[in-house]
PDB file of N, CA and C in Angstrom:
ATOM      1  N   MET A   1      16.959   7.499  -4.123  1.00  0.00           N
ATOM      2  CA  MET A   1      15.903   8.535  -4.558  1.00  0.00           C
ATOM      3  C   MET A   1      14.709   7.625  -4.585  1.00  0.00           C
ATOM      4  N   PRO A   2      13.651   8.235  -4.196  1.00  0.00           N
ATOM      5  CA  PRO A   2      12.317   7.416  -4.225  1.00  0.00           C
ATOM      6  C   PRO A   2      11.720   7.168  -5.588  1.00  0.00           C
ATOM      7  N   SER A   3      11.022   6.125  -5.709  1.00  0.00           N
ATOM      8  CA  SER A   3      10.407   5.849  -6.925  1.00  0.00           C
ATOM      9  C   SER A   3       8.985   5.311  -6.703  1.00  0.00           C
ATOM     10  N   PHE A   4       8.240   5.253  -7.840  1.00  0.00           N
ATOM     11  CA  PHE A   4       6.825   4.634  -7.590  1.00  0.00           C
ATOM     12  C   PHE A   4       6.901   3.178  -7.236  1.00  0.00           C
ATOM     13  N   VAL A   5       7.810   2.580  -7.850  1.00  0.00           N
ATOM     14  CA  VAL A   5       7.938   1.057  -7.550  1.00  0.00           C
ATOM     15  C   VAL A   5       8.275   0.984  -5.993  1.00  0.00           C
ATOM     16  N   ALA A   6       9.258   1.720  -5.502  1.00  0.00           N
ATOM     17  CA  ALA A   6       9.603   1.629  -4.153  1.00  0.00           C
ATOM     18  C   ALA A   6       8.434   1.947  -3.203  1.00  0.00           C
ATOM     19  N   TRP A   7       7.744   2.972  -3.555  1.00  0.00           N
ATOM     20  CA  TRP A   7       6.654   3.411  -2.743  1.00  0.00           C
ATOM     21  C   TRP A   7       5.497   2.347  -2.776  1.00  0.00           C
ATOM     22  N   GLN A   8       5.179   1.867  -3.939  1.00  0.00           N
ATOM     23  CA  GLN A   8       4.208   0.695  -3.979  1.00  0.00           C
ATOM     24  C   GLN A   8       4.551  -0.379  -2.943  1.00  0.00           C
ATOM     25  N   LYS A   9       5.817  -0.757  -2.967  1.00  0.00           N
ATOM     26  CA  LYS A   9       6.284  -1.847  -2.159  1.00  0.00           C
ATOM     27  C   LYS A   9       6.204  -1.504  -0.768  1.00  0.00           C
ATOM     28  N   LYS A  10       6.679  -0.174  -0.371  1.00  0.00           N
ATOM     29  CA  LYS A  10       6.816   0.275   0.828  1.00  0.00           C
ATOM     30  C   LYS A  10       5.485   0.568   1.547  1.00  0.00           C
ATOM     31  N   TYR A  11       4.603   1.304   0.947  1.00  0.00           N
ATOM     32  CA  TYR A  11       3.411   1.921   1.451  1.00  0.00           C
ATOM     33  C   TYR A  11       2.119   0.982   0.975  1.00  0.00           C
ATOM     34  N   GLY A  12       2.208   0.072   0.090  1.00  0.00           N
ATOM     35  CA  GLY A  12       1.093  -0.766  -0.301  1.00  0.00           C
ATOM     36  C   GLY A  12       0.401  -1.236   0.807  1.00  0.00           C
ATOM     37  N   PRO A  13       1.174  -1.821   1.874  1.00  0.00           N
ATOM     38  CA  PRO A  13       0.400  -2.562   2.891  1.00  0.00           C
ATOM     39  C   PRO A  13      -0.375  -1.541   3.708  1.00  0.00           C
ATOM     40  N   GLN A  14      -0.181  -0.225   3.512  1.00  0.00           N
ATOM     41  CA  GLN A  14      -0.857   0.797   4.228  1.00  0.00           C
ATOM     42  C   GLN A  14      -2.036   1.357   3.492  1.00  0.00           C
ATOM     43  N   GLY A  15      -2.152   0.775   2.312  1.00  0.00           N
ATOM     44  CA  GLY A  15      -3.319   1.215   1.524  1.00  0.00           C
ATOM     45  C   GLY A  15      -2.999   2.066   0.338  1.00  0.00           C
ATOM     46  N   LEU A  16      -1.851   2.321  -0.003  1.00  0.00           N
ATOM     47  CA  LEU A  16      -1.373   3.005  -1.181  1.00  0.00           C
ATOM     48  C   LEU A  16      -1.523   2.187  -2.368  1.00  0.00           C
ATOM     49  N   GLN A  17      -2.111   2.659  -3.491  1.00  0.00           N
ATOM     50  CA  GLN A  17      -2.184   2.072  -4.740  1.00  0.00           C
ATOM     51  C   GLN A  17      -1.671   3.114  -5.806  1.00  0.00           C
ATOM     52  N   ILE A  18      -0.626   2.843  -6.513  1.00  0.00           N
ATOM     53  CA  ILE A  18      -0.061   3.364  -7.523  1.00  0.00           C
ATOM     54  C   ILE A  18      -0.823   3.047  -8.793  1.00  0.00           C
ATOM     55  N   ILE A  19      -1.186   3.795  -9.693  1.00  0.00           N
ATOM     56  CA  ILE A  19      -1.766   3.528 -10.883  1.00  0.00           C
ATOM     57  C   ILE A  19      -1.084   4.384 -11.933  1.00  0.00           C
ATOM     58  N   GLY A  20      -0.443   3.823 -12.992  1.00  0.00           N
ATOM     59  CA  GLY A  20       0.189   4.550 -13.990  1.00  0.00           C
ATOM     60  C   GLY A  20      -0.946   4.598 -15.119  1.00  0.00           C
ATOM     61  N   ILE A  21      -0.859   5.840 -15.759  1.00  0.00           N
ATOM     62  CA  ILE A  21      -1.687   5.957 -16.996  1.00  0.00           C
ATOM     63  C   ILE A  21      -0.861   6.380 -18.101  1.00  0.00           C
ATOM     64  N   SER A  22      -0.897   5.596 -19.276  1.00  0.00           N
ATOM     65  CA  SER A  22      -0.040   5.923 -20.469  1.00  0.00           C
ATOM     66  C   SER A  22      -0.956   6.621 -21.472  1.00  0.00           C
ATOM     67  N   MET A  23      -0.353   7.705 -21.866  1.00  0.00           N
ATOM     68  CA  MET A  23      -1.035   8.408 -22.958  1.00  0.00           C
ATOM     69  C   MET A  23      -0.428   8.270 -24.335  1.00  0.00           C
ATOM     70  N   ASP A  24       0.309   7.053 -24.521  1.00  0.00           N
ATOM     71  CA  ASP A  24       0.821   6.736 -25.800  1.00  0.00           C
ATOM     72  C   ASP A  24      -0.280   6.093 -26.638  1.00  0.00           C
ATOM     73  N   ASP A  25       0.129   6.058 -27.916  1.00  0.00           N
ATOM     74  CA  ASP A  25      -0.834   5.729 -28.991  1.00  0.00           C
ATOM     75  C   ASP A  25      -1.266   4.260 -28.920  1.00  0.00           C
ATOM     76  N   GLY A  26      -0.543   3.292 -28.346  1.00  0.00           N
ATOM     77  CA  GLY A  26      -0.807   1.960 -28.392  1.00  0.00           C
ATOM     78  C   GLY A  26      -0.223   1.264 -27.203  1.00  0.00           C
ATOM     79  N   PRO A  27      -0.655   0.025 -26.845  1.00  0.00           N
ATOM     80  CA  PRO A  27      -0.261  -0.660 -25.631  1.00  0.00           C
ATOM     81  C   PRO A  27       1.130  -1.474 -25.887  1.00  0.00           C
ATOM     82  N   ALA A  28       1.446  -1.639 -27.118  1.00  0.00           N
ATOM     83  CA  ALA A  28       2.694  -2.456 -27.157  1.00  0.00           C
ATOM     84  C   ALA A  28       4.043  -1.737 -26.478  1.00  0.00           C
ATOM     85  N   LEU A  29       4.213  -0.524 -26.627  1.00  0.00           N
ATOM     86  CA  LEU A  29       5.380   0.270 -26.005  1.00  0.00           C
ATOM     87  C   LEU A  29       5.171   0.197 -24.569  1.00  0.00           C
ATOM     88  N   VAL A  30       3.765   0.410 -24.011  1.00  0.00           N
ATOM     89  CA  VAL A  30       3.652   0.393 -22.597  1.00  0.00           C
ATOM     90  C   VAL A  30       3.906  -1.047 -22.034  1.00  0.00           C
ATOM     91  N   ARG A  31       3.477  -2.074 -22.757  1.00  0.00           N
ATOM     92  CA  ARG A  31       3.716  -3.362 -22.170  1.00  0.00           C
ATOM     93  C   ARG A  31       5.253  -3.674 -22.085  1.00  0.00           C
ATOM     94  N   SER A  32       6.039  -3.120 -23.076  1.00  0.00           N
ATOM     95  CA  SER A  32       7.437  -3.272 -23.013  1.00  0.00           C
ATOM     96  C   SER A  32       8.132  -2.631 -21.944  1.00  0.00           C
ATOM     97  N   MET A  33       7.691  -1.274 -21.760  1.00  0.00           N
ATOM     98  CA  MET A  33       8.180  -0.583 -20.567  1.00  0.00           C
ATOM     99  C   MET A  33       7.730  -1.129 -19.157  1.00  0.00           C
ATOM    100  N   VAL A  34       6.556  -1.551 -19.046  1.00  0.00           N
ATOM    101  CA  VAL A  34       6.153  -2.217 -17.742  1.00  0.00           C
ATOM    102  C   VAL A  34       7.190  -3.382 -17.498  1.00  0.00           C
ATOM    103  N   SER A  35       7.497  -4.205 -18.441  1.00  0.00           N
ATOM    104  CA  SER A  35       8.357  -5.320 -18.282  1.00  0.00           C
ATOM    105  C   SER A  35       9.755  -4.944 -17.984  1.00  0.00           C
ATOM    106  N   LYS A  36      10.204  -4.060 -18.795  1.00  0.00           N
ATOM    107  CA  LYS A  36      11.597  -3.593 -18.739  1.00  0.00           C
ATOM    108  C   LYS A  36      11.916  -2.848 -17.304  1.00  0.00           C
ATOM    109  N   LEU A  37      10.936  -2.059 -16.949  1.00  0.00           N
ATOM    110  CA  LEU A  37      11.069  -1.344 -15.507  1.00  0.00           C
ATOM    111  C   LEU A  37      10.593  -2.077 -14.399  1.00  0.00           C
ATOM    112  N   LYS A  38      10.120  -3.458 -14.632  1.00  0.00           N
ATOM    113  CA  LYS A  38       9.538  -4.206 -13.600  1.00  0.00           C
ATOM    114  C   LYS A  38       8.569  -3.452 -12.688  1.00  0.00           C
ATOM    115  N   LEU A  39       7.619  -2.870 -13.290  1.00  0.00           N
ATOM    116  CA  LEU A  39       6.650  -2.120 -12.467  1.00  0.00           C
ATOM    117  C   LEU A  39       5.708  -3.114 -11.613  1.00  0.00           C
ATOM    118  N   ASN A  40       5.402  -2.778 -10.433  1.00  0.00           N
ATOM    119  CA  ASN A  40       4.582  -3.639  -9.472  1.00  0.00           C
ATOM    120  C   ASN A  40       3.294  -2.835  -9.189  1.00  0.00           C
ATOM    121  N   TYR A  41       2.816  -2.208 -10.150  1.00  0.00           N
ATOM    122  CA  TYR A  41       1.611  -1.515 -10.043  1.00  0.00           C
ATOM    123  C   TYR A  41       0.922  -1.447 -11.481  1.00  0.00           C
ATOM    124  N   PRO A  42      -0.362  -1.436 -11.554  1.00  0.00           N
ATOM    125  CA  PRO A  42      -1.020  -1.420 -12.906  1.00  0.00           C
ATOM    126  C   PRO A  42      -0.848  -0.174 -13.625  1.00  0.00           C
ATOM    127  N   VAL A  43      -0.796  -0.383 -14.943  1.00  0.00           N
ATOM    128  CA  VAL A  43      -0.665   0.753 -15.824  1.00  0.00           C
ATOM    129  C   VAL A  43      -1.828   0.561 -16.996  1.00  0.00           C
ATOM    130  N   ALA A  44      -2.646   1.630 -16.973  1.00  0.00           N
ATOM    131  CA  ALA A  44      -3.722   1.535 -17.990  1.00  0.00           C
ATOM    132  C   ALA A  44      -3.508   2.620 -19.230  1.00  0.00           C
ATOM    133  N   MET A  45      -4.274   2.303 -20.248  1.00  0.00           N
ATOM    134  CA  MET A  45      -4.083   3.428 -21.397  1.00  0.00           C
ATOM    135  C   MET A  45      -5.040   4.439 -21.121  1.00  0.00           C
ATOM    136  N   GLY A  46      -4.584   5.704 -21.350  1.00  0.00           N
ATOM    137  CA  GLY A  46      -5.385   6.916 -21.147  1.00  0.00           C
ATOM    138  C   GLY A  46      -5.634   7.454 -22.463  1.00  0.00           C
ATOM    139  N   ASP A  47      -6.548   8.306 -22.644  1.00  0.00           N
ATOM    140  CA  ASP A  47      -6.960   9.023 -23.877  1.00  0.00           C
ATOM    141  C   ASP A  47      -7.415  10.618 -23.525  1.00  0.00           C
ATOM    142  N   VAL A  48      -7.678  11.390 -24.618  1.00  0.00           N
ATOM    143  CA  VAL A  48      -8.016  12.681 -24.286  1.00  0.00           C
ATOM    144  C   VAL A  48      -9.400  12.703 -23.300  1.00  0.00           C
ATOM    145  N   LYS A  49     -10.221  11.880 -23.579  1.00  0.00           N
ATOM    146  CA  LYS A  49     -11.526  11.960 -22.709  1.00  0.00           C
ATOM    147  C   LYS A  49     -11.072  11.700 -21.216  1.00  0.00           C
ATOM    148  N   LEU A  50     -10.178  10.815 -20.947  1.00  0.00           N
ATOM    149  CA  LEU A  50      -9.742  10.641 -19.556  1.00  0.00           C
ATOM    150  C   LEU A  50      -8.979  11.846 -19.026  1.00  0.00           C
ATOM    151  N   GLY A  51      -8.150  12.422 -20.043  1.00  0.00           N
ATOM    152  CA  GLY A  51      -7.571  13.653 -19.478  1.00  0.00           C
ATOM    153  C   GLY A  51      -8.453  14.810 -19.282  1.00  0.00           C
ATOM    154  N   ASP A  52      -9.479  14.898 -20.025  1.00  0.00           N
ATOM    155  CA  ASP A  52     -10.465  15.840 -19.823  1.00  0.00           C
ATOM    156  C   ASP A  52     -11.234  15.779 -18.446  1.00  0.00           C
ATOM    157  N   LEU A  53     -11.307  14.461 -17.976  1.00  0.00           N
ATOM    158  CA  LEU A  53     -11.952  14.263 -16.659  1.00  0.00           C
ATOM    159  C   LEU A  53     -11.134  14.809 -15.621  1.00  0.00           C
ATOM    160  N   TYR A  54      -9.744  15.050 -15.732  1.00  0.00           N
ATOM    161  CA  TYR A  54      -8.810  15.596 -14.813  1.00  0.00           C
ATOM    162  C   TYR A  54      -8.517  17.056 -15.166  1.00  0.00           C
ATOM    163  N   GLY A  55      -9.324  17.692 -15.755  1.00  0.00           N
ATOM    164  CA  GLY A  55      -9.128  19.160 -15.987  1.00  0.00           C
ATOM    165  C   GLY A  55      -8.210  19.323 -17.269  1.00  0.00           C
ATOM    166  N   GLY A  56      -7.986  18.386 -18.104  1.00  0.00           N
ATOM    167  CA  GLY A  56      -7.203  18.488 -19.235  1.00  0.00           C
ATOM    168  C   GLY A  56      -5.751  18.317 -19.007  1.00  0.00           C
ATOM    169  N   VAL A  57      -5.083  17.402 -19.770  1.00  0.00           N
ATOM    170  CA  VAL A  57      -3.723  17.037 -19.484  1.00  0.00           C
ATOM    171  C   VAL A  57      -2.954  18.031 -20.602  1.00  0.00           C
ATOM    172  N   LEU A  58      -2.349  18.980 -20.393  1.00  0.00           N
ATOM    173  CA  LEU A  58      -1.742  19.910 -21.120  1.00  0.00           C
ATOM    174  C   LEU A  58      -0.245  19.521 -21.362  1.00  0.00           C
ATOM    175  N   GLY A  59       0.315  18.739 -20.633  1.00  0.00           N
ATOM    176  CA  GLY A  59       1.716  18.286 -20.694  1.00  0.00           C
ATOM    177  C   GLY A  59       1.978  17.169 -19.893  1.00  0.00           C
ATOM    178  N   LEU A  60       2.950  16.371 -20.261  1.00  0.00           N
ATOM    179  CA  LEU A  60       3.422  15.225 -19.397  1.00  0.00           C
ATOM    180  C   LEU A  60       4.800  15.335 -19.120  1.00  0.00           C
ATOM    181  N   PRO A  61       5.275  14.763 -17.974  1.00  0.00           N
ATOM    182  CA  PRO A  61       4.309  13.981 -17.035  1.00  0.00           C
ATOM    183  C   PRO A  61       3.501  14.811 -16.228  1.00  0.00           C
ATOM    184  N   ILE A  62       2.401  14.298 -15.714  1.00  0.00           N
ATOM    185  CA  ILE A  62       1.547  14.885 -14.655  1.00  0.00           C
ATOM    186  C   ILE A  62       1.183  13.867 -13.793  1.00  0.00           C
ATOM    187  N   SER A  63       1.259  14.246 -12.437  1.00  0.00           N
ATOM    188  CA  SER A  63       0.975  13.225 -11.359  1.00  0.00           C
ATOM    189  C   SER A  63      -0.119  13.786 -10.470  1.00  0.00           C
ATOM    190  N   PHE A  64      -0.960  12.940 -10.048  1.00  0.00           N
ATOM    191  CA  PHE A  64      -2.102  13.309  -9.061  1.00  0.00           C
ATOM    192  C   PHE A  64      -2.018  12.494  -7.895  1.00  0.00           C
ATOM    193  N   LEU A  65      -2.300  13.138  -6.696  1.00  0.00           N
ATOM    194  CA  LEU A  65      -2.226  12.585  -5.410  1.00  0.00           C
ATOM    195  C   LEU A  65      -3.700  12.392  -4.992  1.00  0.00           C
ATOM    196  N   ILE A  66      -4.249  11.308  -4.999  1.00  0.00           N
ATOM    197  CA  ILE A  66      -5.754  11.078  -4.772  1.00  0.00           C
ATOM    198  C   ILE A  66      -5.918  10.402  -3.616  1.00  0.00           C
ATOM    199  N   ASP A  67      -6.791  10.812  -2.684  1.00  0.00           N
ATOM    200  CA  ASP A  67      -6.918  10.142  -1.309  1.00  0.00           C
ATOM    201  C   ASP A  67      -7.885   8.998  -1.513  1.00  0.00           C
ATOM    202  N   ARG A  68      -8.064   8.208  -0.443  1.00  0.00           N
ATOM    203  CA  ARG A  68      -8.792   7.083  -0.335  1.00  0.00           C
ATOM    204  C   ARG A  68     -10.374   7.215  -0.727  1.00  0.00           C
ATOM    205  N   TYR A  69     -10.881   8.489  -0.784  1.00  0.00           N
ATOM    206  CA  TYR A  69     -12.268   8.929  -1.051  1.00  0.00           C
ATOM    207  C   TYR A  69     -12.262   9.342  -2.559  1.00  0.00           C
ATOM    208  N   GLY A  70     -11.151   9.286  -3.332  1.00  0.00           N
ATOM    209  CA  GLY A  70     -11.207   9.622  -4.660  1.00  0.00           C
ATOM    210  C   GLY A  70     -11.115  11.181  -4.967  1.00  0.00           C
ATOM    211  N   VAL A  71     -10.725  12.030  -3.850  1.00  0.00           N
ATOM    212  CA  VAL A  71     -10.691  13.335  -3.971  1.00  0.00           C
ATOM    213  C   VAL A  71      -9.153  13.613  -4.263  1.00  0.00           C
ATOM    214  N   THR A  72      -8.923  14.504  -5.493  1.00  0.00           N
ATOM    215  CA  THR A  72      -7.580  14.772  -5.775  1.00  0.00           C
ATOM    216  C   THR A  72      -7.111  15.773  -4.797  1.00  0.00           C
ATOM    217  N   GLN A  73      -5.963  15.523  -3.989  1.00  0.00           N
ATOM    218  CA  GLN A  73      -5.410  16.395  -2.929  1.00  0.00           C
ATOM    219  C   GLN A  73      -4.150  17.223  -3.594  1.00  0.00           C
ATOM    220  N   ALA A  74      -3.702  16.755  -4.620  1.00  0.00           N
ATOM    221  CA  ALA A  74      -2.478  17.488  -5.241  1.00  0.00           C
ATOM    222  C   ALA A  74      -2.304  17.152  -6.633  1.00  0.00           C
ATOM    223  N   GLU A  75      -1.813  18.184  -7.374  1.00  0.00           N
ATOM    224  CA  GLU A  75      -1.501  17.901  -8.831  1.00  0.00           C
ATOM    225  C   GLU A  75      -0.070  18.311  -9.081  1.00  0.00           C
ATOM    226  N   TYR A  76       0.779  17.569  -9.722  1.00  0.00           N
ATOM    227  CA  TYR A  76       2.153  17.932 -10.068  1.00  0.00           C
ATOM    228  C   TYR A  76       2.360  17.895 -11.477  1.00  0.00           C
ATOM    229  N   GLN A  77       2.700  19.017 -12.095  1.00  0.00           N
ATOM    230  CA  GLN A  77       2.923  19.120 -13.449  1.00  0.00           C
ATOM    231  C   GLN A  77       4.436  19.118 -13.690  1.00  0.00           C
ATOM    232  N   GLY A  78       4.838  18.293 -14.713  1.00  0.00           N
ATOM    233  CA  GLY A  78       6.318  18.258 -15.090  1.00  0.00           C
ATOM    234  C   GLY A  78       7.094  17.315 -14.039  1.00  0.00           C
ATOM    235  N   GLU A  79       8.291  17.443 -13.910  1.00  0.00           N
ATOM    236  CA  GLU A  79       9.043  16.694 -12.974  1.00  0.00           C
ATOM    237  C   GLU A  79       8.831  17.097 -11.647  1.00  0.00           C
ATOM    238  N   ALA A  80       8.209  16.217 -10.961  1.00  0.00           N
ATOM    239  CA  ALA A  80       7.796  16.688  -9.523  1.00  0.00           C
ATOM    240  C   ALA A  80       8.799  16.475  -8.634  1.00  0.00           C
ATOM    241  N   ASP A  81       8.779  17.066  -7.356  1.00  0.00           N
ATOM    242  CA  ASP A  81       9.634  16.789  -6.303  1.00  0.00           C
ATOM    243  C   ASP A  81       9.090  15.616  -5.506  1.00  0.00           C
ATOM    244  N   LEU A  82       9.759  14.361  -5.790  1.00  0.00           N
ATOM    245  CA  LEU A  82       9.205  13.130  -5.240  1.00  0.00           C
ATOM    246  C   LEU A  82       9.290  13.098  -3.683  1.00  0.00           C
ATOM    247  N   ASN A  83      10.319  13.821  -3.024  1.00  0.00           N
ATOM    248  CA  ASN A  83      10.245  14.028  -1.606  1.00  0.00           C
ATOM    249  C   ASN A  83       9.148  14.637  -1.054  1.00  0.00           C
ATOM    250  N   LYS A  84       8.746  15.805  -1.682  1.00  0.00           N
ATOM    251  CA  LYS A  84       7.558  16.560  -1.375  1.00  0.00           C
ATOM    252  C   LYS A  84       6.272  15.531  -1.560  1.00  0.00           C
ATOM    253  N   ILE A  85       6.188  14.997  -2.577  1.00  0.00           N
ATOM    254  CA  ILE A  85       4.954  13.992  -2.744  1.00  0.00           C
ATOM    255  C   ILE A  85       4.921  12.925  -1.799  1.00  0.00           C
ATOM    256  N   GLU A  86       6.165  12.445  -1.453  1.00  0.00           N
ATOM    257  CA  GLU A  86       6.085  11.411  -0.337  1.00  0.00           C
ATOM    258  C   GLU A  86       5.634  11.821   0.989  1.00  0.00           C
ATOM    259  N   LYS A  87       6.061  13.011   1.213  1.00  0.00           N
ATOM    260  CA  LYS A  87       5.536  13.544   2.519  1.00  0.00           C
ATOM    261  C   LYS A  87       4.089  13.869   2.645  1.00  0.00           C
ATOM    262  N   GLN A  88       3.502  14.260   1.578  1.00  0.00           N
ATOM    263  CA  GLN A  88       2.122  14.459   1.405  1.00  0.00           C
ATOM    264  C   GLN A  88       1.297  13.096   1.506  1.00  0.00           C
ATOM    265  N   MET A  89       1.938  12.218   0.768  1.00  0.00           N
ATOM    266  CA  MET A  89       1.379  10.886   0.677  1.00  0.00           C
ATOM    267  C   MET A  89       1.329  10.184   2.128  1.00  0.00           C
ATOM    268  N   GLN A  90       2.578  10.269   2.858  1.00  0.00           N
ATOM    269  CA  GLN A  90       2.643   9.714   4.288  1.00  0.00           C
ATOM    270  C   GLN A  90       1.489  10.331   5.049  1.00  0.00           C
ATOM    271  N   SER A  91       1.360  11.681   4.912  1.00  0.00           N
ATOM    272  CA  SER A  91       0.333  12.355   5.735  1.00  0.00           C
ATOM    273  C   SER A  91      -1.085  11.834   5.546  1.00  0.00           C
ATOM    274  N   LEU A  92      -1.397  11.554   4.199  1.00  0.00           N
ATOM    275  CA  LEU A  92      -2.740  11.016   3.860  1.00  0.00           C
ATOM    276  C   LEU A  92      -2.924   9.557   4.276  1.00  0.00           C
ATOM    277  N   LEU A  93      -1.890   8.835   4.156  1.00  0.00           N
ATOM    278  CA  LEU A  93      -2.018   7.429   4.544  1.00  0.00           C
ATOM    279  C   LEU A  93      -2.121   7.299   6.163  1.00  0.00           C
ATOM    280  N   SER A  94      -1.542   8.338   6.874  1.00  0.00           N
ATOM    281  CA  SER A  94      -1.769   8.184   8.339  1.00  0.00           C
ATOM    282  C   SER A  94      -3.074   8.807   8.808  1.00  0.00           C
ATOM    283  N   GLY A  95      -3.830   9.468   7.817  1.00  0.00           N
ATOM    284  CA  GLY A  95      -5.101   9.903   8.171  1.00  0.00           C
ATOM    285  C   GLY A  95      -5.092  11.315   8.613  1.00  0.00           C
ATOM    286  N   ARG A  96      -4.005  12.063   8.336  1.00  0.00           N
ATOM    287  CA  ARG A  96      -3.867  13.445   8.703  1.00  0.00           C
ATOM    288  C   ARG A  96      -4.219  14.438   7.619  1.00  0.00           C
TER     289      ARG A  96
END
């Protein structure tokens, strides 16, 4: 099954950058999870203000596929179909 860690390793050399945003109340839990899960991408703390910049975050998890120009190409609410995301991501990385 695909994962963000696997994608960062596989597609990072092609220009992919996974960025995690935690909406937790404090960084202690986030640091613990980053270490436990051995994440190979940065995780930042988010807040309501950041969520508002993306149209409001009404539920978690939420994933955005943003192209190299900063344009949101897709938004996935809830548990997303990772195979679908990977196909769209591959298309963006190849320039299609």
